[in-house]
Amino acid sequence: MTTAGMLPPRWTSVHSQLRATLCGAGIGLLPAFVAEQEPSLRRVLHREVAVVPQFTACLASRRLRRPAAARVFESIKASITDARTSYFHRIDRSG
């Protein structure tokens, strides 16, 4: 509980988070491609806070028995592993 005795909001929709931020609900944690479309928003704490997004890939186990699905899943995992290093080296905290 927050000090006001209310639970903090927990949105999974980026559009809900954007709307709440624009309405003054507080600091929003938004993807840059979304926030950059809103001229009234400003970056804050970008030098002090690093956010590492985490995602879960889900697929029914019966689907993994299909060779094509297994190949696609393995390809996605390999692409993420390859991209992870280059992504984190490109993060710019200067501006």
Protein backbone atom coordinates (compact mmCIF):
# COMPACT_ATOMS: atom_id res chain seq x y z
CA MET A 1 0.00 0.00 0.00
CA THR A 2 1.09 3.55 -0.63
CA THR A 3 1.17 6.14 2.12
CA ALA A 4 -2.28 7.29 0.99
CA GLY A 5 -3.60 3.79 1.68
CA MET A 6 -4.22 2.99 -1.97
CA LEU A 7 -2.63 0.37 -4.16
CA PRO A 8 -0.40 1.77 -6.91
CA PRO A 9 -1.78 1.35 -10.43
CA ARG A 10 -0.53 -1.66 -12.38
CA TRP A 11 -1.19 -1.23 -16.07
CA THR A 12 -0.03 -3.58 -18.75
CA SER A 13 -1.16 -1.34 -21.60
CA VAL A 14 1.40 1.23 -22.70
CA HIS A 15 -1.47 3.39 -23.92
CA SER A 16 -3.02 3.39 -20.43
CA GLN A 17 0.35 4.35 -18.94
CA LEU A 18 0.76 7.14 -21.48
CA ARG A 19 -2.74 8.51 -20.80
CA ALA A 20 -2.18 8.40 -17.02
CA THR A 21 1.16 10.20 -17.39
CA LEU A 22 -0.37 12.87 -19.62
CA CYS A 23 -3.16 13.33 -17.06
CA GLY A 24 -0.61 13.98 -14.31
CA ALA A 25 -0.64 10.63 -12.49
CA GLY A 26 3.12 10.84 -11.94
CA ILE A 27 6.28 9.74 -13.65
CA GLY A 28 5.59 7.37 -16.53
CA LEU A 29 7.93 4.61 -17.64
CA LEU A 30 7.27 4.65 -21.37
CA PRO A 31 9.02 3.33 -24.47
CA ALA A 32 10.92 6.14 -26.17
CA PHE A 33 9.02 5.68 -29.45
CA VAL A 34 5.78 6.40 -27.57
CA ALA A 35 6.97 9.25 -25.36
CA GLU A 36 8.77 11.05 -28.19
CA GLN A 37 5.41 11.51 -29.95
CA GLU A 38 4.15 13.65 -27.06
CA PRO A 39 5.74 17.12 -27.03
CA SER A 40 4.50 17.84 -23.49
CA LEU A 41 6.54 14.99 -22.00
CA ARG A 42 10.16 15.41 -20.89
CA ARG A 43 12.78 12.82 -20.00
CA VAL A 44 13.66 12.76 -16.32
CA LEU A 45 16.09 10.58 -14.37
CA HIS A 46 17.56 9.11 -17.57
CA ARG A 47 21.08 9.33 -16.14
CA GLU A 48 20.13 7.89 -12.77
CA VAL A 49 17.81 5.06 -13.78
CA ALA A 50 18.51 2.17 -16.13
CA VAL A 51 15.56 0.00 -17.09
CA VAL A 52 16.16 -3.44 -18.54
CA PRO A 53 12.90 -4.76 -19.96
CA GLN A 54 12.12 -8.41 -19.46
CA PHE A 55 9.78 -10.42 -21.64
CA THR A 56 8.55 -13.97 -21.56
CA ALA A 57 8.07 -15.92 -24.75
CA CYS A 58 5.26 -18.41 -24.46
CA LEU A 59 4.27 -21.27 -26.65
CA ALA A 60 2.14 -24.29 -25.85
CA SER A 61 4.41 -27.30 -25.39
CA ARG A 62 2.49 -29.25 -28.03
CA ARG A 63 3.44 -26.54 -30.55
CA LEU A 64 7.15 -26.97 -29.82
CA ARG A 65 6.83 -30.53 -31.10
CA ARG A 66 6.26 -29.03 -34.53
CA PRO A 67 9.67 -28.70 -36.21
CA ALA A 68 8.83 -25.35 -37.83
CA ALA A 69 7.71 -23.83 -34.51
CA ALA A 70 10.81 -25.13 -32.73
CA ARG A 71 13.07 -23.64 -35.42
CA VAL A 72 11.36 -20.25 -35.19
CA PHE A 73 11.58 -20.29 -31.39
CA GLU A 74 15.30 -21.16 -31.50
CA SER A 75 15.89 -18.46 -34.11
CA ILE A 76 14.22 -15.85 -31.91
CA LYS A 77 16.34 -16.88 -28.93
CA ALA A 78 19.53 -16.67 -31.01
CA SER A 79 18.57 -13.24 -32.38
CA ILE A 80 17.93 -11.91 -28.90
CA THR A 81 21.25 -13.21 -27.64
CA ASP A 82 23.08 -11.62 -30.59
CA ALA A 83 21.26 -8.29 -30.26
CA ARG A 84 21.51 -8.00 -26.48
CA THR A 85 25.17 -7.00 -26.46
CA SER A 86 24.89 -4.42 -29.22
CA TYR A 87 21.73 -2.92 -27.70
CA PHE A 88 23.25 -2.34 -24.28
CA HIS A 89 26.40 -0.83 -25.78
CA ARG A 90 24.32 1.73 -27.70
CA ILE A 91 22.35 3.12 -24.75
CA ASP A 92 23.01 6.86 -24.58
CA ARG A 93 22.56 8.52 -21.21
CA SER A 94 24.09 11.88 -22.14
CA GLY A 95 20.98 13.67 -23.40
